[in-house]
Amino acid sequence: MTDSTITVERNGNLHPHAQDAQQLTAMLPSVCPQNHAANLLPLPNGELLCVWFGGTQEGIADISVWCSRLAKGTTQWSKAEKLSDDSTRSEQNPVLFLDPDQVLWLLWTAQKSGNQDTAIVRFRQSRDFGGSWSEIETLLDQPGTFIRQPVVVLPNGNWLLPVFYCRTQPGVKWVGNDDISAVKISSDKGKTWRDVAVPESLGCVHMNITVLMDGSLLALYRSRWADFIYQSRSTDGGESWSAPVPTELPNNNSSIQVTTLSNGHLALVFNAMSAKDASERRLSLYDEIEDEDDDVAVVTEPVVHSGRTAFWGAPRAPMTLAISTDGGKSWPWQRNLDEGDGYCMTNNSQQKLNREFSYPSIKQSADGALHIAYTYFRQAIKYVRVDEEWVRG
């Protein structure tokens, strides 16, 4: 296990992995103590973009969205550029989306302190692949709306944006006990959105939609209960969904990402870990920070929660890459990208106390390469390039 007290060098240089020449790796440049929640996007010009959020610590108002690019044929990620700047909200979970008209969208959430039930979704657009950006606007203004995963464009032209709703009782601080999933569908290139609820999705979040070779849709979910990755399916273009059911794969109440490869196989990045392997438990994701906004109501009397409670603190390691050749029914090929104890009972990056590998993103470029980025100890975003044979070999 790597000692988390060692400062992670974040210069963006791409180099072969010390023990595995089939891997190319880099730590993306950043000036922030904390860096988390990466999302990747290969561009048609051969460049690769990565966005994430960085600042002092998740939930604090200096958290903003950052972006770096790897130009075609180069071996160094560019200096990170700050793309959001709201001094009153923690801006998190950025997502990149290149629409069919070649307009690049950047979407992200903006919340007050550690209160995800206050989150709204904002966006900017670029018509030169991120060289310049439009003004910041609000896409979804219903408080508690959260995103994490990419937009999917269907053959009929509809755009599908998976969301989840962070809900809580009035006056009760959000801890994730009542979150549900839905799909926003736009038939007018993002001007308006309608809502399709996922039935029986309590506790299933970070809905990640991918199109299978037969045209049907598979959705994979993070579980607030930290038990398994869940799945549901749609055969009518996302207009209706089956209720999520557990897969054979474990989940630790941390993010996952899946993508359909050019050969129809699925590639999934996740933590092969669940609550049953945890020896400790946190009160909540934001139990270390205070509310920064006086108008956020917090209950003064204990409230009894009658249902299941979100499990926080299950180790966030290893970081595992898996392959399915049967549309997600089974995942026979799995290989670890990083291993460690995954300690995440704290989010503290300034004192380098956290040792998690988490929040992965995976995309395939036109040359067949698999591009992966994920949180490394909440100090850096680690980039890894491999191919499918690396997993199956």
Protein backbone atom coordinates (compact mmCIF):
# COMPACT_ATOMS: atom_id res chain seq x y z
CA MET A 1 0.00 0.00 0.00
CA THR A 2 1.22 3.49 -0.84
CA ASP A 3 1.62 5.80 2.17
CA SER A 4 -0.95 8.60 1.80
CA THR A 5 1.28 11.02 3.70
CA ILE A 6 3.57 11.15 0.67
CA THR A 7 2.72 14.17 -1.47
CA VAL A 8 1.37 13.03 -4.84
CA GLU A 9 3.26 14.61 -7.73
CA ARG A 10 0.68 16.20 -10.04
CA ASN A 11 2.62 17.35 -13.08
CA GLY A 12 0.50 15.66 -15.74
CA ASN A 13 3.34 13.67 -17.30
CA LEU A 14 2.24 10.48 -19.03
CA HIS A 15 4.54 7.50 -18.45
CA PRO A 16 4.47 3.69 -18.36
CA HIS A 17 3.43 2.13 -15.07
CA ALA A 18 6.46 1.09 -13.05
CA GLN A 19 5.33 -2.55 -12.73
CA ASP A 20 3.18 -2.90 -15.85
CA ALA A 21 4.35 -1.53 -19.19
CA GLN A 22 0.89 -2.13 -20.69
CA GLN A 23 -0.44 0.73 -18.56
CA LEU A 24 0.22 4.39 -19.25
CA THR A 25 -0.49 6.62 -16.26
CA ALA A 26 -0.41 10.26 -15.16
CA MET A 27 -1.47 12.41 -12.20
CA LEU A 28 -3.36 15.39 -13.61
CA PRO A 29 -2.07 18.89 -12.78
CA SER A 30 -3.90 20.72 -9.99
CA VAL A 31 -3.29 23.54 -7.51
CA CYS A 32 -6.02 22.25 -5.15
CA PRO A 33 -5.51 20.17 -1.99
CA GLN A 34 -8.56 18.06 -2.87
CA ASN A 35 -9.42 16.68 -6.33
CA HIS A 36 -12.36 14.35 -6.92
CA ALA A 37 -15.07 13.05 -9.28
CA ALA A 38 -13.42 12.97 -12.71
CA ASN A 39 -15.24 12.59 -16.01
CA LEU A 40 -13.47 11.97 -19.32
CA LEU A 41 -14.40 12.74 -22.93
CA PRO A 42 -12.41 11.82 -26.09
CA LEU A 43 -12.89 14.49 -28.78
CA PRO A 44 -13.13 13.97 -32.56
CA ASN A 45 -9.81 15.82 -33.05
CA GLY A 46 -7.96 13.19 -31.03
CA GLU A 47 -7.72 15.23 -27.84
CA LEU A 48 -8.89 13.95 -24.48
CA LEU A 49 -10.62 16.17 -21.91
CA CYS A 50 -10.94 15.52 -18.20
CA VAL A 51 -13.06 17.51 -15.73
CA TRP A 52 -13.30 17.14 -11.95
CA PHE A 53 -13.95 19.24 -8.87
CA GLY A 54 -11.22 20.69 -6.71
CA GLY A 55 -10.74 22.94 -3.70
CA THR A 56 -10.19 22.58 0.03
CA GLN A 57 -12.73 19.84 0.76
CA GLU A 58 -16.00 18.57 -0.70
CA GLY A 59 -18.94 20.63 0.56
CA ILE A 60 -16.90 23.78 1.20
CA ALA A 61 -17.71 26.76 -1.03
CA ASP A 62 -14.24 26.97 -2.59
CA ILE A 63 -14.91 23.70 -4.45
CA SER A 64 -15.07 24.45 -8.20
CA VAL A 65 -14.96 22.65 -11.54
CA TRP A 66 -11.57 22.21 -13.25
CA CYS A 67 -10.55 20.94 -16.69
CA SER A 68 -7.35 19.62 -18.27
CA ARG A 69 -6.68 18.26 -21.77
CA LEU A 70 -4.29 15.79 -23.31
CA ALA A 71 -3.54 16.96 -26.84
CA LYS A 72 -3.19 14.35 -29.59
CA GLY A 73 0.29 12.88 -29.74
CA THR A 74 1.48 14.56 -26.55
CA THR A 75 2.57 13.05 -23.24
CA GLN A 76 1.55 15.77 -20.80
CA TRP A 77 -1.83 16.95 -19.57
CA SER A 78 -2.33 20.71 -19.75
CA LYS A 79 -2.41 23.06 -16.78
CA ALA A 80 -5.84 22.84 -15.14
CA GLU A 81 -8.35 25.56 -16.01
CA LYS A 82 -11.04 26.63 -13.54
CA LEU A 83 -14.47 26.66 -15.20
CA SER A 84 -16.84 27.57 -12.34
CA ASP A 85 -16.62 30.09 -9.53
CA ASP A 86 -19.57 30.43 -7.16
CA SER A 87 -18.25 31.65 -3.81
CA THR A 88 -21.46 30.58 -2.05
CA ARG A 89 -21.84 26.95 -3.23
CA SER A 90 -19.80 23.77 -3.50
CA GLU A 91 -19.70 22.97 -7.23
CA GLN A 92 -19.36 19.24 -7.86
CA ASN A 93 -19.75 16.24 -10.18
CA PRO A 94 -18.90 17.80 -13.56
CA VAL A 95 -19.97 15.96 -16.73
CA LEU A 96 -18.86 16.55 -20.33
CA PHE A 97 -21.14 15.93 -23.32
CA LEU A 98 -20.50 16.55 -27.02
CA ASP A 99 -23.86 16.86 -28.75
CA PRO A 100 -24.56 15.82 -32.38
CA ASP A 101 -24.03 19.44 -33.54
CA GLN A 102 -20.51 19.36 -32.05
CA VAL A 103 -21.46 21.67 -29.20
CA LEU A 104 -19.55 20.73 -26.06
CA TRP A 105 -21.59 20.88 -22.87
CA LEU A 106 -20.24 21.05 -19.33
CA LEU A 107 -22.79 20.25 -16.63
CA TRP A 108 -22.28 20.24 -12.85
CA THR A 109 -24.06 20.48 -9.52
CA ALA A 110 -24.00 23.42 -7.09
CA GLN A 111 -25.02 22.93 -3.46
CA LYS A 112 -24.93 24.78 -0.14
CA SER A 113 -22.31 23.24 2.15
CA GLY A 114 -22.90 19.51 2.70
CA ASN A 115 -26.59 19.72 1.90
CA GLN A 116 -27.13 17.81 -1.33
CA ASP A 117 -30.86 18.49 -1.05
CA THR A 118 -30.05 22.11 -2.02
CA ALA A 119 -28.23 21.16 -5.25
CA ILE A 120 -29.15 22.54 -8.66
CA VAL A 121 -27.59 21.73 -12.05
CA ARG A 122 -25.69 24.37 -14.04
CA PHE A 123 -24.07 24.31 -17.48
CA ARG A 124 -21.82 26.05 -19.99
CA GLN A 125 -21.29 25.42 -23.70
CA SER A 126 -18.29 25.55 -26.02
CA ARG A 127 -18.23 25.58 -29.82
CA ASP A 128 -14.46 25.13 -30.10
CA PHE A 129 -13.98 21.94 -28.04
CA GLY A 130 -13.38 23.82 -24.80
CA GLY A 131 -11.15 26.61 -26.07
CA SER A 132 -13.75 29.15 -24.91
CA TRP A 133 -16.96 28.88 -22.95
CA SER A 134 -20.37 30.57 -22.79
CA GLU A 135 -21.73 32.21 -19.67
CA ILE A 136 -22.91 29.96 -16.83
CA GLU A 137 -26.63 29.13 -16.83
CA THR A 138 -28.98 26.93 -14.80
CA LEU A 139 -30.18 23.74 -16.49
CA LEU A 140 -32.26 22.14 -13.70
CA ASP A 141 -33.43 24.32 -10.82
CA GLN A 142 -35.34 21.83 -8.66
CA PRO A 143 -33.43 21.72 -5.34
CA GLY A 144 -31.89 18.34 -4.65
CA THR A 145 -31.26 17.45 -8.31
CA PHE A 146 -27.91 15.72 -8.75
CA ILE A 147 -25.97 14.33 -11.71
CA ARG A 148 -22.84 12.24 -12.12
CA GLN A 149 -23.06 10.32 -15.40
CA PRO A 150 -22.97 11.29 -19.10
CA VAL A 151 -25.83 12.22 -21.40
CA VAL A 152 -26.85 9.50 -23.88
CA VAL A 153 -28.08 10.35 -27.39
CA LEU A 154 -30.51 7.84 -28.92
CA PRO A 155 -31.04 7.11 -32.65
CA ASN A 156 -34.41 8.92 -32.50
CA GLY A 157 -32.60 12.11 -31.44
CA ASN A 158 -33.69 12.08 -27.80
CA TRP A 159 -31.15 13.01 -25.13
CA LEU A 160 -31.18 11.07 -21.88
CA LEU A 161 -29.69 12.66 -18.76
CA PRO A 162 -29.72 10.37 -15.70
CA VAL A 163 -30.36 12.24 -12.44
CA PHE A 164 -31.03 11.41 -8.81
CA TYR A 165 -33.00 13.36 -6.27
CA CYS A 166 -31.51 14.01 -2.85
CA ARG A 167 -34.52 14.17 -0.56
CA THR A 168 -34.99 14.61 3.15
CA GLN A 169 -37.67 15.57 5.66
CA PRO A 170 -38.12 19.31 6.33
CA GLY A 171 -35.52 20.51 8.80
CA VAL A 172 -33.54 17.25 8.68
CA LYS A 173 -29.98 17.32 7.36
CA TRP A 174 -29.43 15.24 4.22
CA VAL A 175 -27.54 11.95 4.72
CA GLY A 176 -28.73 9.99 1.66
CA ASN A 177 -31.43 7.78 3.17
CA ASP A 178 -34.17 8.80 0.73
CA ASP A 179 -32.46 9.30 -2.64
CA ILE A 180 -34.18 8.06 -5.82
CA SER A 181 -33.32 8.01 -9.54
CA ALA A 182 -34.96 9.36 -12.69
CA VAL A 183 -34.15 10.12 -16.32
CA LYS A 184 -34.51 13.57 -17.86
CA ILE A 185 -35.43 13.28 -21.56
CA SER A 186 -35.06 16.13 -24.06
CA SER A 187 -36.43 16.03 -27.61
CA ASP A 188 -35.32 19.58 -28.45
CA LYS A 189 -31.54 19.48 -27.97
CA GLY A 190 -31.59 20.32 -24.29
CA LYS A 191 -33.98 23.27 -24.34
CA THR A 192 -36.62 21.46 -22.27
CA TRP A 193 -36.60 18.26 -20.24
CA ARG A 194 -39.31 15.89 -19.04
CA ASP A 195 -38.94 13.51 -16.12
CA VAL A 196 -39.20 9.70 -16.20
CA ALA A 197 -39.06 8.12 -12.74
CA VAL A 198 -37.24 4.84 -12.16
CA PRO A 199 -39.64 2.64 -10.17
CA GLU A 200 -38.56 1.27 -6.79
CA SER A 201 -35.20 3.04 -7.03
CA LEU A 202 -34.82 4.09 -3.38
CA GLY A 203 -31.11 4.04 -2.56
CA CYS A 204 -30.06 3.52 -6.19
CA VAL A 205 -28.14 6.57 -7.43
CA HIS A 206 -25.55 7.63 -10.03
CA MET A 207 -27.66 5.95 -12.71
CA ASN A 208 -25.31 5.18 -15.61
CA ILE A 209 -27.07 4.45 -18.93
CA THR A 210 -25.38 2.64 -21.81
CA VAL A 211 -26.78 1.47 -25.15
CA LEU A 212 -26.44 -2.25 -25.89
CA MET A 213 -25.92 -3.78 -29.34
CA ASP A 214 -29.60 -4.74 -29.62
CA GLY A 215 -30.66 -1.13 -29.03
CA SER A 216 -31.93 -1.71 -25.51
CA LEU A 217 -30.63 0.31 -22.58
CA LEU A 218 -28.81 -0.94 -19.50
CA ALA A 219 -28.52 1.21 -16.39
CA LEU A 220 -26.12 0.47 -13.52
CA TYR A 221 -26.42 2.13 -10.11
CA ARG A 222 -24.41 2.92 -7.01
CA SER A 223 -26.14 1.68 -3.86
CA ARG A 224 -26.62 3.90 -0.80
CA TRP A 225 -26.84 0.65 1.19
CA ALA A 226 -23.29 -0.31 0.13
CA ASP A 227 -24.30 -3.84 -0.83
CA PHE A 228 -24.28 -4.40 -4.60
CA ILE A 229 -24.20 -2.59 -7.91
CA TYR A 230 -27.82 -2.57 -9.10
CA GLN A 231 -29.15 -2.74 -12.66
CA SER A 232 -32.32 -1.93 -14.57
CA ARG A 233 -33.20 -2.03 -18.25
CA SER A 234 -35.34 -0.24 -20.82
CA THR A 235 -36.58 -1.50 -24.18
CA ASP A 236 -38.51 1.63 -25.20
CA GLY A 237 -35.80 4.28 -25.41
CA GLY A 238 -35.83 5.16 -21.72
CA GLU A 239 -39.56 5.92 -21.56
CA SER A 240 -39.93 3.22 -18.90
CA TRP A 241 -37.53 1.21 -16.74
CA SER A 242 -37.56 -2.04 -14.86
CA ALA A 243 -37.08 -1.76 -11.11
CA PRO A 244 -33.38 -1.93 -10.14
CA VAL A 245 -32.18 -5.34 -8.93
CA PRO A 246 -28.78 -6.30 -7.47
CA THR A 247 -26.05 -7.68 -9.73
CA GLU A 248 -23.32 -10.10 -8.66
CA LEU A 249 -20.91 -7.15 -8.22
CA PRO A 250 -20.36 -5.48 -4.82
CA ASN A 251 -20.73 -1.75 -4.17
CA ASN A 252 -19.52 0.39 -1.27
CA ASN A 253 -21.79 3.42 -1.75
CA SER A 254 -19.28 4.93 -4.16
CA SER A 255 -19.48 5.80 -7.83
CA ILE A 256 -19.05 3.48 -10.82
CA GLN A 257 -18.99 3.95 -14.59
CA VAL A 258 -19.72 1.65 -17.52
CA THR A 259 -19.34 2.13 -21.27
CA THR A 260 -20.21 0.05 -24.34
CA LEU A 261 -17.14 -0.74 -26.43
CA SER A 262 -16.99 -0.76 -30.23
CA ASN A 263 -17.24 -4.57 -30.27
CA GLY A 264 -20.36 -4.54 -28.11
CA HIS A 265 -18.64 -5.62 -24.93
CA LEU A 266 -19.08 -3.58 -21.73
CA ALA A 267 -16.25 -2.13 -19.67
CA LEU A 268 -16.99 -1.20 -16.06
CA VAL A 269 -14.81 0.51 -13.46
CA PHE A 270 -15.80 0.13 -9.80
CA ASN A 271 -14.61 -0.64 -6.26
CA ALA A 272 -14.84 -4.39 -5.62
CA MET A 273 -15.92 -3.74 -2.03
CA SER A 274 -19.09 -3.51 0.07
CA ALA A 275 -20.26 -2.73 3.59
CA LYS A 276 -19.86 -6.36 4.68
CA ASP A 277 -16.09 -5.85 4.36
CA ALA A 278 -16.13 -2.61 6.39
CA SER A 279 -14.90 -2.40 9.98
CA GLU A 280 -16.00 1.22 10.56
CA ARG A 281 -18.94 3.43 9.64
CA ARG A 282 -19.29 7.22 9.26
CA LEU A 283 -22.31 9.27 10.28
CA SER A 284 -22.50 10.88 6.83
CA LEU A 285 -20.42 12.06 3.89
CA TYR A 286 -20.16 15.57 5.34
CA ASP A 287 -19.75 14.82 9.05
CA GLU A 288 -16.51 16.84 9.18
CA ILE A 289 -17.78 20.21 7.96
CA GLU A 290 -20.18 22.82 9.30
CA ASP A 291 -22.97 24.46 7.34
CA GLU A 292 -21.73 27.71 5.83
CA ASP A 293 -25.19 29.12 5.10
CA ASP A 294 -27.47 30.30 7.90
CA ASP A 295 -30.63 29.67 5.87
CA VAL A 296 -30.03 25.91 5.73
CA ALA A 297 -32.39 24.52 8.35
CA VAL A 298 -31.12 21.75 10.58
CA VAL A 299 -33.41 19.83 12.91
CA THR A 300 -32.91 20.44 16.63
CA GLU A 301 -34.81 17.35 17.82
CA PRO A 302 -33.85 13.75 16.98
CA VAL A 303 -35.78 12.26 14.07
CA VAL A 304 -36.31 8.51 13.91
CA HIS A 305 -35.73 7.09 10.42
CA SER A 306 -37.85 3.99 9.92
CA GLY A 307 -36.22 2.64 6.75
CA ARG A 308 -32.74 1.58 5.70
CA THR A 309 -29.94 4.05 6.28
CA ALA A 310 -27.16 5.01 3.90
CA PHE A 311 -23.84 3.36 4.73
CA TRP A 312 -20.81 5.67 4.66
CA GLY A 313 -17.20 4.65 5.25
CA ALA A 314 -16.89 1.31 3.46
CA PRO A 315 -13.33 1.17 2.04
CA ARG A 316 -12.97 2.65 -1.45
CA ALA A 317 -10.51 0.16 -2.90
CA PRO A 318 -9.48 -1.68 -4.94
CA MET A 319 -10.18 0.13 -8.21
CA THR A 320 -11.25 -2.66 -10.55
CA LEU A 321 -11.83 -2.86 -14.31
CA ALA A 322 -14.30 -5.52 -15.49
CA ILE A 323 -15.46 -6.76 -18.90
CA SER A 324 -18.82 -8.27 -19.87
CA THR A 325 -19.50 -9.92 -23.23
CA ASP A 326 -23.18 -10.69 -22.58
CA GLY A 327 -24.73 -7.27 -22.07
CA GLY A 328 -23.98 -7.03 -18.37
CA LYS A 329 -25.43 -10.38 -17.31
CA SER A 330 -21.99 -11.54 -16.10
CA TRP A 331 -18.54 -10.03 -15.56
CA PRO A 332 -16.04 -12.89 -15.88
CA TRP A 333 -12.97 -10.74 -16.51
CA GLN A 334 -11.79 -8.45 -13.72
CA ARG A 335 -8.42 -6.87 -12.99
CA ASN A 336 -7.36 -4.29 -10.40
CA LEU A 337 -5.96 -0.95 -11.50
CA ASP A 338 -4.99 0.11 -7.96
CA GLU A 339 -4.94 -1.66 -4.61
CA GLY A 340 -4.82 -0.38 -1.02
CA ASP A 341 -6.86 -0.18 2.15
CA GLY A 342 -9.20 2.48 0.66
CA TYR A 343 -9.54 4.35 3.97
CA CYS A 344 -12.32 6.93 3.64
CA MET A 345 -13.51 7.61 7.19
CA THR A 346 -12.35 11.16 6.48
CA ASN A 347 -12.39 13.38 3.36
CA ASN A 348 -9.40 15.40 4.62
CA SER A 349 -6.89 16.08 1.85
CA GLN A 350 -4.97 18.94 3.46
CA GLN A 351 -3.57 16.58 6.07
CA LYS A 352 -3.51 13.72 3.55
CA LEU A 353 -5.59 11.41 5.73
CA ASN A 354 -7.77 9.88 3.01
CA ARG A 355 -6.57 6.83 1.02
CA GLU A 356 -9.44 6.13 -1.36
CA PHE A 357 -9.51 5.23 -5.05
CA SER A 358 -12.94 6.32 -6.22
CA TYR A 359 -15.33 7.94 -8.68
CA PRO A 360 -13.97 6.42 -11.90
CA SER A 361 -14.68 7.45 -15.46
CA ILE A 362 -14.08 5.26 -18.51
CA LYS A 363 -14.28 5.98 -22.24
CA GLN A 364 -13.01 4.24 -25.38
CA SER A 365 -11.35 6.29 -28.11
CA ALA A 366 -11.50 5.58 -31.85
CA ASP A 367 -8.21 3.64 -31.70
CA GLY A 368 -9.70 1.17 -29.22
CA ALA A 369 -7.80 2.40 -26.17
CA LEU A 370 -9.58 2.51 -22.82
CA HIS A 371 -9.14 5.81 -21.00
CA ILE A 372 -9.79 5.77 -17.25
CA ALA A 373 -9.59 8.51 -14.62
CA TYR A 374 -10.32 8.28 -10.91
CA THR A 375 -9.72 9.91 -7.54
CA TYR A 376 -6.37 9.04 -5.94
CA PHE A 377 -6.39 9.62 -2.14
CA ARG A 378 -8.60 12.71 -2.80
CA GLN A 379 -5.29 14.44 -3.58
CA ALA A 380 -5.16 13.92 -7.34
CA ILE A 381 -6.96 12.63 -10.41
CA LYS A 382 -5.13 9.60 -11.76
CA TYR A 383 -5.32 8.81 -15.47
CA VAL A 384 -4.71 5.28 -16.81
CA ARG A 385 -4.68 4.02 -20.40
CA VAL A 386 -5.04 0.29 -21.13
CA ASP A 387 -6.96 -1.86 -23.59
CA GLU A 388 -9.51 -4.66 -23.28
CA GLU A 389 -6.89 -7.36 -23.68
CA TRP A 390 -5.09 -6.03 -20.59
CA VAL A 391 -8.14 -7.09 -18.57
CA ARG A 392 -8.84 -10.35 -20.35
CA GLY A 393 -5.19 -11.37 -20.71
